[in-house]
């Protein structure tokens, strides 16, 4: 399912009705803003068109071809989703919250509430994270957690870990930090 494809449901005046999935994605954007991801994968033929759109394209490593986040084309809604150069990864991505809604495990109002909770947690951390040359929130958050020192505040570390857990539970972003492997017995 294309997360921006909205079925043309008829109403009394024959106006198209936006699908709940489309409403959810347009209301969220965490996958575009650098809150869930550091970069987005592109296929080789997408590199030049993506760069022409204004994306910061990564070409140096064939295993990590893509563009960096936050996406400059996100302006509270994706400004290029109707473009023929709209990246395939963006078109096909579905977070756990969207999948749960598609499976009718959650309704749009509850999903929107979870997005708002994530934004509140992000806003609180955004103000308190140490300065960084990176504009990517996820990169700054992970850098903070991995470089945590007791002197920087246990409360901030707990809030950062709570957001990571929230991302995992509701958005399926479960690879934010490398978890140490269990030692062999």
C-alpha atoms as a PDB file:
ATOM      1  CA  UNK A   1       0.000   0.000   0.000  1.00  0.00           C
ATOM      2  CA  UNK A   2       1.323   3.417  -0.940  1.00  0.00           C
ATOM      3  CA  UNK A   3       1.139   5.500   2.206  1.00  0.00           C
ATOM      4  CA  UNK A   4       0.114   8.600   0.266  1.00  0.00           C
ATOM      5  CA  UNK A   5      -2.386   6.881  -2.004  1.00  0.00           C
ATOM      6  CA  UNK A   6      -5.862   7.861  -0.981  1.00  0.00           C
ATOM      7  CA  UNK A   7      -8.852   5.972  -2.267  1.00  0.00           C
ATOM      8  CA  UNK A   8     -11.480   8.040  -3.986  1.00  0.00           C
ATOM      9  CA  UNK A   9     -14.404   7.335  -1.687  1.00  0.00           C
ATOM     10  CA  UNK A  10     -17.617   8.901  -2.846  1.00  0.00           C
ATOM     11  CA  UNK A  11     -19.492  11.273  -0.660  1.00  0.00           C
ATOM     12  CA  UNK A  12     -22.799  12.988  -1.305  1.00  0.00           C
ATOM     13  CA  UNK A  13     -21.088  15.694  -3.354  1.00  0.00           C
ATOM     14  CA  UNK A  14     -18.717  13.242  -5.087  1.00  0.00           C
ATOM     15  CA  UNK A  15     -15.672  14.917  -3.517  1.00  0.00           C
ATOM     16  CA  UNK A  16     -12.769  12.593  -2.766  1.00  0.00           C
ATOM     17  CA  UNK A  17     -12.361  11.651   0.873  1.00  0.00           C
ATOM     18  CA  UNK A  18      -8.846  11.316   2.243  1.00  0.00           C
ATOM     19  CA  UNK A  19      -7.996   7.875   3.576  1.00  0.00           C
ATOM     20  CA  UNK A  20      -7.122   7.502   7.270  1.00  0.00           C
ATOM     21  CA  UNK A  21      -3.652   6.267   6.209  1.00  0.00           C
ATOM     22  CA  UNK A  22      -3.081   9.387   4.142  1.00  0.00           C
ATOM     23  CA  UNK A  23      -4.300  11.569   7.026  1.00  0.00           C
ATOM     24  CA  UNK A  24      -1.950   9.794   9.427  1.00  0.00           C
ATOM     25  CA  UNK A  25       1.137  10.209   7.263  1.00  0.00           C
ATOM     26  CA  UNK A  26       0.390  13.820   6.422  1.00  0.00           C
ATOM     27  CA  UNK A  27      -0.106  14.553  10.124  1.00  0.00           C
ATOM     28  CA  UNK A  28       3.100  12.853  11.212  1.00  0.00           C
ATOM     29  CA  UNK A  29       6.193  13.160   9.047  1.00  0.00           C
ATOM     30  CA  UNK A  30       8.562  11.765  11.696  1.00  0.00           C
ATOM     31  CA  UNK A  31      10.113   9.579   8.995  1.00  0.00           C
ATOM     32  CA  UNK A  32      10.886  12.742   6.973  1.00  0.00           C
ATOM     33  CA  UNK A  33      12.077  15.077   9.708  1.00  0.00           C
ATOM     34  CA  UNK A  34      15.137  13.173  10.918  1.00  0.00           C
ATOM     35  CA  UNK A  35      13.450  11.981  14.079  1.00  0.00           C
ATOM     36  CA  UNK A  36      13.327   8.303  13.089  1.00  0.00           C
ATOM     37  CA  UNK A  37      16.070   8.053  10.450  1.00  0.00           C
ATOM     38  CA  UNK A  38      19.465   9.510   9.609  1.00  0.00           C
ATOM     39  CA  UNK A  39      19.238   8.732   5.894  1.00  0.00           C
ATOM     40  CA  UNK A  40      16.966   7.157   3.265  1.00  0.00           C
ATOM     41  CA  UNK A  41      18.127   4.561   0.741  1.00  0.00           C
ATOM     42  CA  UNK A  42      18.008   5.327  -2.991  1.00  0.00           C
ATOM     43  CA  UNK A  43      18.544   3.085  -5.997  1.00  0.00           C
ATOM     44  CA  UNK A  44      21.335   4.154  -8.355  1.00  0.00           C
ATOM     45  CA  UNK A  45      18.908   5.506 -11.032  1.00  0.00           C
ATOM     46  CA  UNK A  46      17.255   7.705  -8.366  1.00  0.00           C
ATOM     47  CA  UNK A  47      20.437   9.554  -7.335  1.00  0.00           C
ATOM     48  CA  UNK A  48      20.449  12.285 -10.002  1.00  0.00           C
ATOM     49  CA  UNK A  49      16.670  12.954  -9.929  1.00  0.00           C
ATOM     50  CA  UNK A  50      16.780  13.108  -6.109  1.00  0.00           C
ATOM     51  CA  UNK A  51      19.645  15.568  -6.227  1.00  0.00           C
ATOM     52  CA  UNK A  52      17.713  17.650  -8.787  1.00  0.00           C
ATOM     53  CA  UNK A  53      14.833  17.795  -6.288  1.00  0.00           C
ATOM     54  CA  UNK A  54      17.216  19.369  -3.768  1.00  0.00           C
ATOM     55  CA  UNK A  55      17.975  16.342  -1.591  1.00  0.00           C
ATOM     56  CA  UNK A  56      21.423  15.955  -0.010  1.00  0.00           C
ATOM     57  CA  UNK A  57      22.430  12.803  -1.882  1.00  0.00           C
ATOM     58  CA  UNK A  58      25.005  10.337  -0.529  1.00  0.00           C
ATOM     59  CA  UNK A  59      26.971   8.587  -3.298  1.00  0.00           C
ATOM     60  CA  UNK A  60      30.267   7.530  -1.726  1.00  0.00           C
ATOM     61  CA  UNK A  61      29.307   4.031  -0.585  1.00  0.00           C
ATOM     62  CA  UNK A  62      27.129   1.818  -2.830  1.00  0.00           C
ATOM     63  CA  UNK A  63      25.781   0.098   0.304  1.00  0.00           C
ATOM     64  CA  UNK A  64      24.568   3.421   1.662  1.00  0.00           C
ATOM     65  CA  UNK A  65      23.357   5.324  -1.392  1.00  0.00           C
ATOM     66  CA  UNK A  66      20.605   7.675  -0.424  1.00  0.00           C
ATOM     67  CA  UNK A  67      19.866  11.087   1.018  1.00  0.00           C
ATOM     68  CA  UNK A  68      20.269  12.537   4.473  1.00  0.00           C
ATOM     69  CA  UNK A  69      17.527  13.496   6.890  1.00  0.00           C
ATOM     70  CA  UNK A  70      15.885  15.802   7.730  1.00  0.00           C
ATOM     71  CA  UNK A  71      14.425  15.981   4.251  1.00  0.00           C
ATOM     72  CA  UNK A  72      14.464  19.569   2.977  1.00  0.00           C
ATOM     73  CA  UNK A  73      11.318  18.841   0.965  1.00  0.00           C
ATOM     74  CA  UNK A  74       9.202  18.255   4.084  1.00  0.00           C
ATOM     75  CA  UNK A  75       7.263  21.453   4.752  1.00  0.00           C
ATOM     76  CA  UNK A  76       4.727  20.092   7.261  1.00  0.00           C
ATOM     77  CA  UNK A  77       3.750  17.804   4.351  1.00  0.00           C
ATOM     78  CA  UNK A  78       5.804  16.143   1.620  1.00  0.00           C
ATOM     79  CA  UNK A  79       6.104  18.643  -1.210  1.00  0.00           C
ATOM     80  CA  UNK A  80       7.093  16.081  -3.874  1.00  0.00           C
ATOM     81  CA  UNK A  81       4.995  12.967  -3.238  1.00  0.00           C
ATOM     82  CA  UNK A  82       3.159  13.479  -6.534  1.00  0.00           C
ATOM     83  CA  UNK A  83       6.422  13.961  -8.440  1.00  0.00           C
ATOM     84  CA  UNK A  84       7.588  11.213 -10.804  1.00  0.00           C
ATOM     85  CA  UNK A  85      10.939  11.520  -8.996  1.00  0.00           C
ATOM     86  CA  UNK A  86       9.421  10.794  -5.584  1.00  0.00           C
ATOM     87  CA  UNK A  87      11.890   8.280  -4.062  1.00  0.00           C
ATOM     88  CA  UNK A  88      10.808   4.634  -4.065  1.00  0.00           C
ATOM     89  CA  UNK A  89      11.825   4.172  -0.425  1.00  0.00           C
ATOM     90  CA  UNK A  90       9.621   7.078   0.620  1.00  0.00           C
ATOM     91  CA  UNK A  91       6.714   5.736  -1.417  1.00  0.00           C
ATOM     92  CA  UNK A  92       6.945   2.255   0.060  1.00  0.00           C
ATOM     93  CA  UNK A  93       7.843   2.986   3.695  1.00  0.00           C
ATOM     94  CA  UNK A  94       5.271   2.086   6.341  1.00  0.00           C
ATOM     95  CA  UNK A  95       5.910   2.568  10.043  1.00  0.00           C
ATOM     96  CA  UNK A  96       4.418   0.185  12.601  1.00  0.00           C
ATOM     97  CA  UNK A  97       1.739   2.706  13.527  1.00  0.00           C
ATOM     98  CA  UNK A  98       0.557   2.879   9.903  1.00  0.00           C
ATOM     99  CA  UNK A  99       0.593  -0.924   9.603  1.00  0.00           C
ATOM    100  CA  UNK A 100      -1.369  -1.266  12.835  1.00  0.00           C
ATOM    101  CA  UNK A 101      -3.932   1.164  11.515  1.00  0.00           C
ATOM    102  CA  UNK A 102      -4.187  -0.702   8.208  1.00  0.00           C
ATOM    103  CA  UNK A 103      -4.792  -3.924  10.181  1.00  0.00           C
ATOM    104  CA  UNK A 104      -7.438  -2.077  12.235  1.00  0.00           C
ATOM    105  CA  UNK A 105      -5.519  -2.631  15.467  1.00  0.00           C
ATOM    106  CA  UNK A 106      -5.717   1.115  16.123  1.00  0.00           C
ATOM    107  CA  UNK A 107      -7.940   3.916  14.866  1.00  0.00           C
ATOM    108  CA  UNK A 108      -6.823   7.277  13.460  1.00  0.00           C
ATOM    109  CA  UNK A 109      -7.646   9.341  16.592  1.00  0.00           C
ATOM    110  CA  UNK A 110      -5.531   7.055  18.811  1.00  0.00           C
ATOM    111  CA  UNK A 111      -2.700   7.047  16.242  1.00  0.00           C
ATOM    112  CA  UNK A 112      -2.732  10.853  16.104  1.00  0.00           C
ATOM    113  CA  UNK A 113      -2.564  10.958  19.905  1.00  0.00           C
ATOM    114  CA  UNK A 114       0.542   8.739  19.838  1.00  0.00           C
ATOM    115  CA  UNK A 115       2.153  11.025  17.255  1.00  0.00           C
ATOM    116  CA  UNK A 116       1.441  14.014  19.484  1.00  0.00           C
ATOM    117  CA  UNK A 117       2.977  12.177  22.462  1.00  0.00           C
ATOM    118  CA  UNK A 118       6.106  11.474  20.395  1.00  0.00           C
ATOM    119  CA  UNK A 119       6.327  15.136  19.380  1.00  0.00           C
ATOM    120  CA  UNK A 120       6.017  16.253  23.004  1.00  0.00           C
ATOM    121  CA  UNK A 121       8.803  13.886  24.047  1.00  0.00           C
ATOM    122  CA  UNK A 122      10.939  15.097  21.124  1.00  0.00           C
ATOM    123  CA  UNK A 123      10.331  18.766  21.953  1.00  0.00           C
ATOM    124  CA  UNK A 124      11.378  18.247  25.565  1.00  0.00           C
ATOM    125  CA  UNK A 125      14.568  16.445  24.543  1.00  0.00           C
ATOM    126  CA  UNK A 126      15.342  18.833  21.683  1.00  0.00           C
ATOM    127  CA  UNK A 127      15.794  21.686  24.131  1.00  0.00           C
ATOM    128  CA  UNK A 128      17.976  19.665  26.479  1.00  0.00           C
ATOM    129  CA  UNK A 129      20.269  17.702  24.160  1.00  0.00           C
ATOM    130  CA  UNK A 130      23.846  18.964  24.059  1.00  0.00           C
ATOM    131  CA  UNK A 131      24.846  21.053  21.059  1.00  0.00           C
ATOM    132  CA  UNK A 132      25.981  19.116  18.009  1.00  0.00           C
ATOM    133  CA  UNK A 133      27.106  19.944  14.477  1.00  0.00           C
ATOM    134  CA  UNK A 134      24.417  17.535  13.198  1.00  0.00           C
ATOM    135  CA  UNK A 135      20.968  18.836  12.291  1.00  0.00           C
ATOM    136  CA  UNK A 136      19.573  15.295  12.512  1.00  0.00           C
ATOM    137  CA  UNK A 137      17.685  14.727  15.769  1.00  0.00           C
ATOM    138  CA  UNK A 138      18.104  10.951  15.723  1.00  0.00           C
ATOM    139  CA  UNK A 139      21.857  11.251  15.239  1.00  0.00           C
ATOM    140  CA  UNK A 140      22.098  13.732  18.112  1.00  0.00           C
ATOM    141  CA  UNK A 141      19.906  11.558  20.363  1.00  0.00           C
ATOM    142  CA  UNK A 142      21.881   8.386  19.690  1.00  0.00           C
ATOM    143  CA  UNK A 143      25.175  10.249  20.100  1.00  0.00           C
ATOM    144  CA  UNK A 144      23.979  11.497  23.467  1.00  0.00           C
ATOM    145  CA  UNK A 145      22.883   8.047  24.656  1.00  0.00           C
ATOM    146  CA  UNK A 146      26.059   6.343  23.459  1.00  0.00           C
ATOM    147  CA  UNK A 147      28.306   9.051  24.939  1.00  0.00           C
ATOM    148  CA  UNK A 148      26.319   9.480  28.153  1.00  0.00           C
ATOM    149  CA  UNK A 149      28.272  10.590  31.156  1.00  0.00           C
ATOM    150  CA  UNK A 150      26.833  10.678  34.665  1.00  0.00           C
ATOM    151  CA  UNK A 151      27.641  14.376  34.928  1.00  0.00           C
ATOM    152  CA  UNK A 152      25.245  15.268  32.095  1.00  0.00           C
ATOM    153  CA  UNK A 153      22.133  14.162  33.922  1.00  0.00           C
ATOM    154  CA  UNK A 154      20.410  10.908  34.625  1.00  0.00           C
ATOM    155  CA  UNK A 155      16.967  12.470  34.032  1.00  0.00           C
ATOM    156  CA  UNK A 156      17.836  13.392  30.443  1.00  0.00           C
ATOM    157  CA  UNK A 157      19.217   9.905  29.782  1.00  0.00           C
ATOM    158  CA  UNK A 158      16.000   8.343  31.118  1.00  0.00           C
ATOM    159  CA  UNK A 159      13.875  10.599  28.895  1.00  0.00           C
ATOM    160  CA  UNK A 160      16.054   9.765  25.887  1.00  0.00           C
ATOM    161  CA  UNK A 161      15.690   6.043  26.564  1.00  0.00           C
ATOM    162  CA  UNK A 162      11.929   6.482  27.022  1.00  0.00           C
ATOM    163  CA  UNK A 163      11.704   8.081  23.569  1.00  0.00           C
ATOM    164  CA  UNK A 164      13.760   5.257  22.041  1.00  0.00           C
ATOM    165  CA  UNK A 165      11.363   2.729  23.610  1.00  0.00           C
ATOM    166  CA  UNK A 166       8.372   4.732  22.347  1.00  0.00           C
ATOM    167  CA  UNK A 167       9.848   4.727  18.815  1.00  0.00           C
ATOM    168  CA  UNK A 168      10.328   0.949  18.999  1.00  0.00           C
ATOM    169  CA  UNK A 169       6.864   0.215  20.376  1.00  0.00           C
ATOM    170  CA  UNK A 170       4.767   2.499  18.181  1.00  0.00           C
ATOM    171  CA  UNK A 171       6.835   3.211  15.072  1.00  0.00           C
ATOM    172  CA  UNK A 172       8.863   0.007  14.757  1.00  0.00           C
ATOM    173  CA  UNK A 173      12.153   1.929  14.707  1.00  0.00           C
ATOM    174  CA  UNK A 174      14.107  -0.705  16.616  1.00  0.00           C
ATOM    175  CA  UNK A 175      17.624  -0.145  15.324  1.00  0.00           C
ATOM    176  CA  UNK A 176      18.304   3.267  16.793  1.00  0.00           C
ATOM    177  CA  UNK A 177      21.157   2.167  19.025  1.00  0.00           C
ATOM    178  CA  UNK A 178      23.431  -0.818  18.922  1.00  0.00           C
ATOM    179  CA  UNK A 179      22.562  -3.073  21.801  1.00  0.00           C
ATOM    180  CA  UNK A 180      25.468  -5.010  23.284  1.00  0.00           C
ATOM    181  CA  UNK A 181      25.443  -8.659  22.411  1.00  0.00           C
ATOM    182  CA  UNK A 182      25.072 -11.105  25.244  1.00  0.00           C
ATOM    183  CA  UNK A 183      28.327 -12.529  26.455  1.00  0.00           C
ATOM    184  CA  UNK A 184      28.729 -16.241  25.841  1.00  0.00           C
ATOM    185  CA  UNK A 185      28.147 -18.399  28.893  1.00  0.00           C
END
